[in-house]
Amino acid sequence: MCKTKKSDNFVADLKNIYQQKQRFIMGETEKDLIYSEGVKAGKRIYYFDVKQSRNGDKYIAITESKKINEGTVDNPRFVFEKHKLFLYKEDYEKFVDALNRTLNVATGKVSAEEQRAALAQAENETAKDESAVETAAESGESISDEKLEKKSFLDKVKDIF
């Protein structure tokens, strides 16, 4: 039993050392990383990390890591190809909204044509609202609170559905 516990600890220690080495190589420190979650999908692993910048702002880093054989069948040499995407707090809502719309089309909840039409209609309404406010401001008209209260692009899309 003791040997099993020691070997389990040894393996865990090796994993921790490897992860620390990877973070050091990539210029990351434990202090930068607030939360991390991985999703295995075949030969790919997706990492969703919450990190903190030097100025204290949190952001999300999404990494796709894919195992690739750069060697031959007889002499395999595996490397990991990585692609990163960084999301900053001012873009969270827009990103999630676009992802949800895309998932709705991908899962068949909404057709691509319906989604395109809804987006076009919402964009047109937003452009009209902005134009009306600019025209009123240029002509010196006072603008009522109702006119100033613009619906967000997302709210307009939601109204359509």
Protein backbone atom coordinates (compact mmCIF):
# COMPACT_ATOMS: atom_id res chain seq x y z
CA MET A 1 0.00 0.00 0.00
CA CYS A 2 2.77 2.45 0.84
CA LYS A 3 4.44 1.90 -2.53
CA THR A 4 1.18 2.66 -4.33
CA LYS A 5 0.66 5.87 -2.35
CA LYS A 6 4.24 6.95 -2.97
CA SER A 7 3.97 6.20 -6.68
CA ASP A 8 0.65 8.08 -6.89
CA ASN A 9 2.24 11.07 -5.16
CA PHE A 10 5.28 10.78 -7.42
CA VAL A 11 3.11 10.87 -10.55
CA ALA A 12 1.12 13.81 -9.19
CA ASP A 13 4.36 15.62 -8.34
CA LEU A 14 5.69 15.01 -11.86
CA LYS A 15 2.47 16.40 -13.36
CA ASN A 16 2.74 19.51 -11.18
CA ILE A 17 6.38 20.03 -12.15
CA TYR A 18 5.49 19.63 -15.84
CA GLN A 19 2.62 22.13 -15.58
CA GLN A 20 4.82 24.65 -13.77
CA LYS A 21 7.48 24.23 -16.46
CA GLN A 22 4.90 24.80 -19.20
CA ARG A 23 3.64 27.95 -17.48
CA PHE A 24 7.20 29.23 -17.09
CA ILE A 25 7.96 28.58 -20.75
CA MET A 26 4.78 30.39 -21.81
CA GLY A 27 5.51 33.31 -19.48
CA GLU A 28 2.65 32.55 -17.12
CA THR A 29 2.79 32.39 -13.37
CA GLU A 30 0.45 30.89 -10.80
CA LYS A 31 -0.45 34.45 -9.86
CA ASP A 32 -1.75 35.18 -13.39
CA LEU A 33 -3.98 32.10 -13.55
CA ILE A 34 -7.18 32.38 -11.50
CA TYR A 35 -9.18 29.43 -12.84
CA SER A 36 -8.69 26.75 -15.46
CA GLU A 37 -10.86 24.03 -16.95
CA GLY A 38 -10.02 21.59 -19.72
CA VAL A 39 -12.31 19.79 -22.15
CA LYS A 40 -10.97 16.72 -23.95
CA ALA A 41 -12.34 16.23 -27.45
CA GLY A 42 -10.59 13.45 -29.34
CA LYS A 43 -7.04 14.51 -30.19
CA ARG A 44 -7.79 18.04 -29.06
CA ILE A 45 -8.01 19.60 -25.64
CA TYR A 46 -9.67 22.94 -25.06
CA TYR A 47 -8.55 24.97 -22.07
CA PHE A 48 -10.71 27.73 -20.64
CA ASP A 49 -8.57 29.91 -18.38
CA VAL A 50 -9.45 33.00 -16.37
CA LYS A 51 -6.37 35.14 -15.99
CA GLN A 52 -5.55 38.48 -14.47
CA SER A 53 -3.55 41.16 -16.24
CA ARG A 54 -0.92 43.32 -14.54
CA ASN A 55 -3.47 46.09 -14.05
CA GLY A 56 -5.86 43.70 -12.27
CA ASP A 57 -8.38 43.18 -15.07
CA LYS A 58 -9.60 39.64 -15.62
CA TYR A 59 -9.77 38.12 -19.07
CA ILE A 60 -10.46 34.72 -20.60
CA ALA A 61 -7.93 32.74 -22.62
CA ILE A 62 -9.29 29.87 -24.69
CA THR A 63 -6.62 27.49 -25.96
CA GLU A 64 -7.01 24.67 -28.44
CA SER A 65 -4.19 22.16 -28.07
CA LYS A 66 -3.88 19.50 -30.76
CA LYS A 67 -1.47 16.55 -30.68
CA ILE A 68 0.37 16.20 -34.01
CA ASN A 69 2.88 13.58 -35.14
CA GLU A 70 5.76 15.37 -36.88
CA GLY A 71 7.78 12.17 -37.13
CA THR A 72 7.27 9.03 -39.13
CA VAL A 73 5.24 5.91 -38.42
CA ASP A 74 8.43 4.12 -37.36
CA ASN A 75 9.83 7.05 -35.39
CA PRO A 76 6.94 9.19 -34.11
CA ARG A 77 7.67 12.61 -32.67
CA PHE A 78 4.63 14.23 -31.11
CA VAL A 79 4.24 17.97 -30.66
CA PHE A 80 1.30 20.08 -29.58
CA GLU A 81 -0.03 22.75 -31.91
CA LYS A 82 -1.75 25.51 -29.96
CA HIS A 83 -4.15 28.24 -30.94
CA LYS A 84 -5.20 30.90 -28.46
CA LEU A 85 -8.11 33.28 -28.28
CA PHE A 86 -8.25 36.10 -25.74
CA LEU A 87 -11.54 37.61 -24.58
CA TYR A 88 -11.61 40.84 -22.63
CA LYS A 89 -14.39 41.91 -20.26
CA GLU A 90 -15.85 44.48 -22.65
CA ASP A 91 -16.44 41.72 -25.23
CA TYR A 92 -17.85 38.92 -23.01
CA GLU A 93 -21.53 39.64 -23.70
CA LYS A 94 -21.06 40.09 -27.47
CA PHE A 95 -19.02 36.90 -27.71
CA VAL A 96 -21.50 34.80 -25.72
CA ASP A 97 -24.44 36.21 -27.70
CA ALA A 98 -22.78 35.42 -31.05
CA LEU A 99 -21.82 31.96 -29.82
CA ASN A 100 -25.40 31.26 -28.70
CA ARG A 101 -26.81 32.40 -32.06
CA THR A 102 -24.29 30.21 -33.86
CA LEU A 103 -25.12 27.22 -31.65
CA ASN A 104 -28.84 27.76 -32.33
CA VAL A 105 -28.16 27.48 -36.06
CA ALA A 106 -25.76 24.53 -35.62
CA THR A 107 -28.26 22.58 -33.49
CA GLY A 108 -31.18 23.34 -35.80
CA LYS A 109 -33.16 25.50 -33.36
CA VAL A 110 -33.09 28.31 -35.93
CA SER A 111 -32.32 28.13 -39.64
CA ALA A 112 -29.36 30.05 -41.00
CA GLU A 113 -31.71 32.10 -43.20
CA GLU A 114 -33.88 33.08 -40.21
CA GLN A 115 -30.79 34.08 -38.23
CA ARG A 116 -29.39 36.17 -41.09
CA ALA A 117 -32.73 37.92 -41.58
CA ALA A 118 -33.03 38.66 -37.84
CA LEU A 119 -29.51 40.10 -37.73
CA ALA A 120 -30.10 42.25 -40.81
CA GLN A 121 -33.37 43.60 -39.39
CA ALA A 122 -31.76 44.39 -36.02
CA GLU A 123 -28.82 46.13 -37.72
CA ASN A 124 -31.19 48.24 -39.83
CA GLU A 125 -33.20 49.30 -36.77
CA THR A 126 -30.04 50.20 -34.89
CA ALA A 127 -28.81 52.29 -37.83
CA LYS A 128 -32.19 54.10 -38.08
CA ASP A 129 -32.18 54.86 -34.33
CA GLU A 130 -28.64 56.23 -34.46
CA SER A 131 -29.47 58.32 -37.53
CA ALA A 132 -32.56 59.81 -35.85
CA VAL A 133 -30.56 60.80 -32.77
CA GLU A 134 -27.80 62.38 -34.91
CA THR A 135 -30.34 64.31 -37.01
CA ALA A 136 -32.11 65.63 -33.92
CA ALA A 137 -28.82 66.64 -32.35
CA GLU A 138 -27.67 68.45 -35.52
CA SER A 139 -30.95 70.37 -35.85
CA GLY A 140 -30.85 71.41 -32.20
CA GLU A 141 -34.03 69.55 -31.27
CA SER A 142 -34.34 68.31 -27.78
CA ILE A 143 -34.39 64.57 -27.71
CA SER A 144 -36.87 62.85 -25.43
CA ASP A 145 -35.73 60.14 -23.07
CA GLU A 146 -37.71 57.62 -25.10
CA LYS A 147 -35.70 58.42 -28.22
CA LEU A 148 -32.44 58.28 -26.31
CA GLU A 149 -33.30 54.93 -24.82
CA LYS A 150 -31.86 52.72 -27.52
CA LYS A 151 -32.34 49.03 -27.57
CA SER A 152 -29.18 47.05 -27.85
CA PHE A 153 -28.56 45.07 -30.99
CA LEU A 154 -29.11 41.85 -29.05
CA ASP A 155 -32.44 43.05 -27.59
CA LYS A 156 -33.70 43.78 -31.08
CA VAL A 157 -32.71 40.29 -32.26
CA LYS A 158 -34.47 38.78 -29.23
CA ASP A 159 -37.62 40.80 -30.02
CA ILE A 160 -37.71 39.29 -33.50
CA PHE A 161 -37.74 35.75 -32.17
